[in-house]
Amino acid sequence: MILPDHLHMIITPKNATDYPKIIKSIKYNFSKNYTPIEYVEQSQSREKRGLKAVWQKRYYEHTIRNQKDWVEKMQYIQYNPIKHNLVKNINDWKYSSFA
């Protein structure tokens, strides 16, 4: 699920220590090819470093423990565009893999 300033995904790396490398690669490759639709204000330090205002600096990693946990995370991800007031109906968010 891609949102204006973050994304949600469920991945299964072979090694848990690969999370930072995977996230860095996704952010780098996306940002390299990303052209904002409109100007988004950001800090001078981010602008000086040539960073684009598309990603939050940090990320949150959670290891899914069981089926119940997986269902909860899937529901959370699917509901996120509504939570952020981007759409009123899940099916209206075009940057989702749920459709």
N, C-alpha and C. Protein backbone atom coordinates (compact mmCIF):
# COMPACT_ATOMS: atom_id res chain seq x y z
N MET A 1 0.86 -1.16 0.00
CA MET A 1 0.00 0.00 0.00
C MET A 1 0.90 1.22 0.00
N ILE A 2 0.78 2.06 -1.01
CA ILE A 2 1.57 3.28 -1.09
C ILE A 2 0.68 4.46 -0.73
N LEU A 3 1.20 5.29 0.19
CA LEU A 3 0.51 6.50 0.62
C LEU A 3 1.44 7.69 0.34
N PRO A 4 0.95 8.92 0.49
CA PRO A 4 1.78 10.08 0.13
C PRO A 4 3.14 10.17 0.82
N ASP A 5 3.25 9.75 2.08
CA ASP A 5 4.54 9.88 2.74
C ASP A 5 5.07 8.58 3.34
N HIS A 6 4.42 7.47 3.05
CA HIS A 6 4.91 6.19 3.54
C HIS A 6 4.25 5.05 2.78
N LEU A 7 4.73 3.86 3.04
CA LEU A 7 4.12 2.68 2.43
C LEU A 7 4.03 1.58 3.46
N HIS A 8 3.18 0.63 3.17
CA HIS A 8 3.05 -0.57 4.00
C HIS A 8 3.26 -1.76 3.09
N MET A 9 3.99 -2.73 3.60
CA MET A 9 4.20 -3.94 2.80
C MET A 9 4.46 -5.10 3.75
N ILE A 10 4.17 -6.26 3.24
CA ILE A 10 4.49 -7.48 3.97
C ILE A 10 5.49 -8.23 3.10
N ILE A 11 6.67 -8.43 3.67
CA ILE A 11 7.74 -9.12 2.94
C ILE A 11 8.26 -10.28 3.78
N THR A 12 8.91 -11.20 3.12
CA THR A 12 9.50 -12.33 3.81
C THR A 12 10.96 -12.48 3.38
N PRO A 13 11.84 -11.71 4.02
CA PRO A 13 13.25 -11.85 3.65
C PRO A 13 13.81 -13.17 4.17
N LYS A 14 14.83 -13.68 3.50
CA LYS A 14 15.47 -14.91 3.96
C LYS A 14 16.14 -14.72 5.31
N ASN A 15 16.62 -13.49 5.54
CA ASN A 15 17.32 -13.18 6.78
C ASN A 15 16.75 -11.88 7.35
N ALA A 16 16.36 -11.88 8.61
CA ALA A 16 15.76 -10.69 9.23
C ALA A 16 16.70 -9.49 9.21
N THR A 17 17.99 -9.72 9.17
CA THR A 17 18.93 -8.59 9.14
C THR A 17 18.92 -7.88 7.78
N ASP A 18 18.22 -8.43 6.81
CA ASP A 18 18.13 -7.80 5.49
C ASP A 18 17.08 -6.68 5.43
N TYR A 19 16.24 -6.53 6.46
CA TYR A 19 15.21 -5.49 6.44
C TYR A 19 15.77 -4.11 6.08
N PRO A 20 16.80 -3.63 6.77
CA PRO A 20 17.30 -2.28 6.45
C PRO A 20 17.76 -2.14 5.01
N LYS A 21 18.44 -3.17 4.49
CA LYS A 21 18.91 -3.12 3.09
C LYS A 21 17.74 -3.09 2.11
N ILE A 22 16.72 -3.87 2.40
CA ILE A 22 15.55 -3.93 1.53
C ILE A 22 14.83 -2.58 1.51
N ILE A 23 14.61 -2.01 2.69
CA ILE A 23 13.92 -0.71 2.78
C ILE A 23 14.73 0.37 2.09
N LYS A 24 16.03 0.39 2.34
CA LYS A 24 16.90 1.40 1.70
C LYS A 24 16.83 1.28 0.18
N SER A 25 16.86 0.08 -0.33
CA SER A 25 16.81 -0.14 -1.78
C SER A 25 15.48 0.33 -2.37
N ILE A 26 14.40 0.01 -1.71
CA ILE A 26 13.07 0.43 -2.19
C ILE A 26 12.98 1.95 -2.21
N LYS A 27 13.36 2.59 -1.09
CA LYS A 27 13.29 4.05 -1.01
C LYS A 27 14.19 4.71 -2.06
N TYR A 28 15.40 4.20 -2.20
CA TYR A 28 16.35 4.78 -3.16
C TYR A 28 15.83 4.67 -4.59
N ASN A 29 15.44 3.48 -4.99
CA ASN A 29 15.01 3.28 -6.37
C ASN A 29 13.70 4.00 -6.69
N PHE A 30 12.79 4.03 -5.75
CA PHE A 30 11.54 4.77 -5.96
C PHE A 30 11.84 6.26 -6.09
N SER A 31 12.61 6.80 -5.14
CA SER A 31 12.90 8.24 -5.12
C SER A 31 13.67 8.69 -6.35
N LYS A 32 14.56 7.85 -6.84
CA LYS A 32 15.36 8.19 -8.01
C LYS A 32 14.47 8.44 -9.23
N ASN A 33 13.36 7.74 -9.31
CA ASN A 33 12.46 7.84 -10.46
C ASN A 33 11.18 8.62 -10.16
N TYR A 34 11.09 9.21 -8.99
CA TYR A 34 9.88 9.88 -8.54
C TYR A 34 9.90 11.36 -8.91
N THR A 35 8.82 11.81 -9.51
CA THR A 35 8.63 13.23 -9.79
C THR A 35 7.36 13.68 -9.08
N PRO A 36 7.52 14.59 -8.09
CA PRO A 36 6.32 15.02 -7.35
C PRO A 36 5.32 15.74 -8.24
N ILE A 37 4.06 15.55 -7.94
CA ILE A 37 2.98 16.21 -8.67
C ILE A 37 2.92 17.69 -8.29
N GLU A 38 3.21 17.97 -7.04
CA GLU A 38 3.20 19.34 -6.56
C GLU A 38 4.35 19.51 -5.58
N TYR A 39 4.76 20.77 -5.33
CA TYR A 39 5.85 21.04 -4.40
C TYR A 39 5.42 20.71 -2.98
N VAL A 40 6.26 19.98 -2.27
CA VAL A 40 6.02 19.65 -0.88
C VAL A 40 7.14 20.28 -0.06
N GLU A 41 6.77 21.13 0.90
CA GLU A 41 7.77 21.82 1.72
C GLU A 41 8.46 20.83 2.64
N GLN A 42 9.77 21.01 2.79
CA GLN A 42 10.54 20.19 3.71
C GLN A 42 11.66 21.01 4.32
N SER A 43 12.38 20.44 5.28
CA SER A 43 13.43 21.18 5.98
C SER A 43 14.58 21.53 5.04
N GLN A 44 15.31 22.59 5.41
CA GLN A 44 16.45 23.02 4.61
C GLN A 44 17.53 21.94 4.58
N SER A 45 17.71 21.24 5.70
CA SER A 45 18.74 20.20 5.73
C SER A 45 18.42 19.07 4.76
N ARG A 46 17.13 18.72 4.62
CA ARG A 46 16.76 17.69 3.65
C ARG A 46 16.99 18.19 2.23
N GLU A 47 16.64 19.45 1.98
CA GLU A 47 16.83 20.01 0.64
C GLU A 47 18.32 20.08 0.30
N LYS A 48 19.17 20.49 1.25
CA LYS A 48 20.61 20.58 1.02
C LYS A 48 21.20 19.23 0.64
N ARG A 49 20.66 18.17 1.24
CA ARG A 49 21.16 16.82 0.95
C ARG A 49 20.53 16.22 -0.30
N GLY A 50 19.64 16.98 -0.94
CA GLY A 50 19.02 16.50 -2.17
C GLY A 50 17.95 15.45 -1.95
N LEU A 51 17.41 15.37 -0.74
CA LEU A 51 16.37 14.38 -0.44
C LEU A 51 15.03 14.87 -0.96
N LYS A 52 14.22 13.94 -1.39
CA LYS A 52 12.88 14.27 -1.88
C LYS A 52 11.88 14.09 -0.75
N ALA A 53 10.85 14.92 -0.77
CA ALA A 53 9.85 14.89 0.30
C ALA A 53 8.80 13.82 0.01
N VAL A 54 9.23 12.58 0.04
CA VAL A 54 8.30 11.50 -0.24
C VAL A 54 8.27 10.46 0.88
N TRP A 55 9.37 10.27 1.60
CA TRP A 55 9.44 9.23 2.61
C TRP A 55 9.65 9.79 4.00
N GLN A 56 9.08 9.11 4.98
CA GLN A 56 9.43 9.38 6.36
C GLN A 56 10.85 8.86 6.57
N LYS A 57 11.59 9.46 7.49
CA LYS A 57 12.98 9.07 7.69
C LYS A 57 13.12 7.65 8.22
N ARG A 58 12.28 7.30 9.16
CA ARG A 58 12.39 5.99 9.81
C ARG A 58 11.39 5.00 9.23
N TYR A 59 11.55 3.76 9.64
CA TYR A 59 10.55 2.74 9.28
C TYR A 59 10.31 1.86 10.49
N TYR A 60 9.19 1.18 10.46
CA TYR A 60 8.80 0.29 11.54
C TYR A 60 8.73 -1.12 10.97
N GLU A 61 9.43 -2.03 11.60
CA GLU A 61 9.44 -3.42 11.17
C GLU A 61 8.75 -4.25 12.23
N HIS A 62 7.92 -5.16 11.80
CA HIS A 62 7.21 -6.05 12.71
C HIS A 62 7.24 -7.46 12.13
N THR A 63 7.64 -8.40 12.92
CA THR A 63 7.63 -9.80 12.48
C THR A 63 6.26 -10.40 12.80
N ILE A 64 5.61 -10.90 11.78
CA ILE A 64 4.30 -11.52 11.96
C ILE A 64 4.49 -12.88 12.61
N ARG A 65 3.74 -13.08 13.69
CA ARG A 65 3.93 -14.27 14.52
C ARG A 65 2.98 -15.42 14.23
N ASN A 66 1.78 -15.08 13.74
CA ASN A 66 0.79 -16.13 13.53
C ASN A 66 -0.30 -15.62 12.57
N GLN A 67 -1.27 -16.47 12.29
CA GLN A 67 -2.34 -16.12 11.35
C GLN A 67 -3.15 -14.91 11.83
N LYS A 68 -3.47 -14.88 13.11
CA LYS A 68 -4.24 -13.76 13.67
C LYS A 68 -3.48 -12.44 13.49
N ASP A 69 -2.20 -12.45 13.76
CA ASP A 69 -1.35 -11.27 13.59
C ASP A 69 -1.33 -10.83 12.12
N TRP A 70 -1.22 -11.80 11.22
CA TRP A 70 -1.21 -11.51 9.77
C TRP A 70 -2.52 -10.83 9.35
N VAL A 71 -3.64 -11.37 9.80
CA VAL A 71 -4.95 -10.80 9.46
C VAL A 71 -5.05 -9.36 9.99
N GLU A 72 -4.63 -9.15 11.24
CA GLU A 72 -4.67 -7.80 11.83
C GLU A 72 -3.83 -6.82 11.02
N LYS A 73 -2.64 -7.22 10.62
CA LYS A 73 -1.77 -6.32 9.85
C LYS A 73 -2.35 -6.05 8.46
N MET A 74 -2.91 -7.05 7.85
CA MET A 74 -3.54 -6.86 6.53
C MET A 74 -4.70 -5.88 6.63
N GLN A 75 -5.52 -6.02 7.65
CA GLN A 75 -6.65 -5.11 7.84
C GLN A 75 -6.17 -3.69 8.13
N TYR A 76 -5.13 -3.56 8.93
CA TYR A 76 -4.56 -2.25 9.24
C TYR A 76 -4.07 -1.58 7.96
N ILE A 77 -3.32 -2.33 7.17
CA ILE A 77 -2.78 -1.78 5.91
C ILE A 77 -3.91 -1.38 4.98
N GLN A 78 -4.89 -2.23 4.83
CA GLN A 78 -5.99 -1.94 3.91
C GLN A 78 -6.78 -0.70 4.34
N TYR A 79 -6.92 -0.49 5.62
CA TYR A 79 -7.70 0.63 6.15
C TYR A 79 -6.91 1.95 6.15
N ASN A 80 -5.60 1.90 5.98
CA ASN A 80 -4.75 3.07 6.14
C ASN A 80 -5.14 4.29 5.31
N PRO A 81 -5.52 4.17 4.04
CA PRO A 81 -5.93 5.37 3.29
C PRO A 81 -7.17 6.04 3.88
N ILE A 82 -8.04 5.27 4.48
CA ILE A 82 -9.22 5.85 5.15
C ILE A 82 -8.76 6.54 6.43
N LYS A 83 -7.90 5.90 7.19
CA LYS A 83 -7.38 6.47 8.43
C LYS A 83 -6.75 7.84 8.19
N HIS A 84 -6.05 7.98 7.07
CA HIS A 84 -5.37 9.24 6.74
C HIS A 84 -6.25 10.20 5.93
N ASN A 85 -7.54 9.90 5.87
CA ASN A 85 -8.52 10.76 5.17
C ASN A 85 -8.18 10.99 3.69
N LEU A 86 -7.67 9.97 3.06
CA LEU A 86 -7.34 10.07 1.64
C LEU A 86 -8.50 9.62 0.76
N VAL A 87 -9.29 8.70 1.26
CA VAL A 87 -10.50 8.21 0.57
C VAL A 87 -11.53 7.84 1.63
N LYS A 88 -12.77 7.69 1.18
CA LYS A 88 -13.82 7.24 2.10
C LYS A 88 -14.09 5.75 1.92
N ASN A 89 -13.71 5.22 0.76
CA ASN A 89 -13.96 3.82 0.44
C ASN A 89 -12.64 3.18 0.04
N ILE A 90 -12.32 2.05 0.63
CA ILE A 90 -11.07 1.33 0.34
C ILE A 90 -10.83 1.16 -1.16
N ASN A 91 -11.88 0.83 -1.89
CA ASN A 91 -11.72 0.56 -3.33
C ASN A 91 -11.37 1.81 -4.14
N ASP A 92 -11.47 2.99 -3.54
CA ASP A 92 -11.14 4.22 -4.25
C ASP A 92 -9.65 4.56 -4.21
N TRP A 93 -8.88 3.87 -3.38
CA TRP A 93 -7.44 4.15 -3.30
C TRP A 93 -6.73 3.34 -4.38
N LYS A 94 -6.25 4.04 -5.41
CA LYS A 94 -5.70 3.35 -6.58
C LYS A 94 -4.28 2.82 -6.39
N TYR A 95 -3.62 3.19 -5.28
CA TYR A 95 -2.24 2.74 -5.05
C TYR A 95 -2.20 1.56 -4.08
N SER A 96 -3.15 0.68 -4.25
CA SER A 96 -3.26 -0.48 -3.37
C SER A 96 -3.19 -1.76 -4.18
N SER A 97 -2.64 -2.78 -3.57
CA SER A 97 -2.62 -4.09 -4.22
C SER A 97 -3.80 -4.94 -3.75
N PHE A 98 -4.71 -4.37 -2.99
CA PHE A 98 -5.87 -5.11 -2.48
C PHE A 98 -6.97 -5.24 -3.53
N ALA A 99 -7.03 -4.32 -4.46
CA ALA A 99 -8.13 -4.31 -5.45
C ALA A 99 -8.11 -5.51 -6.36
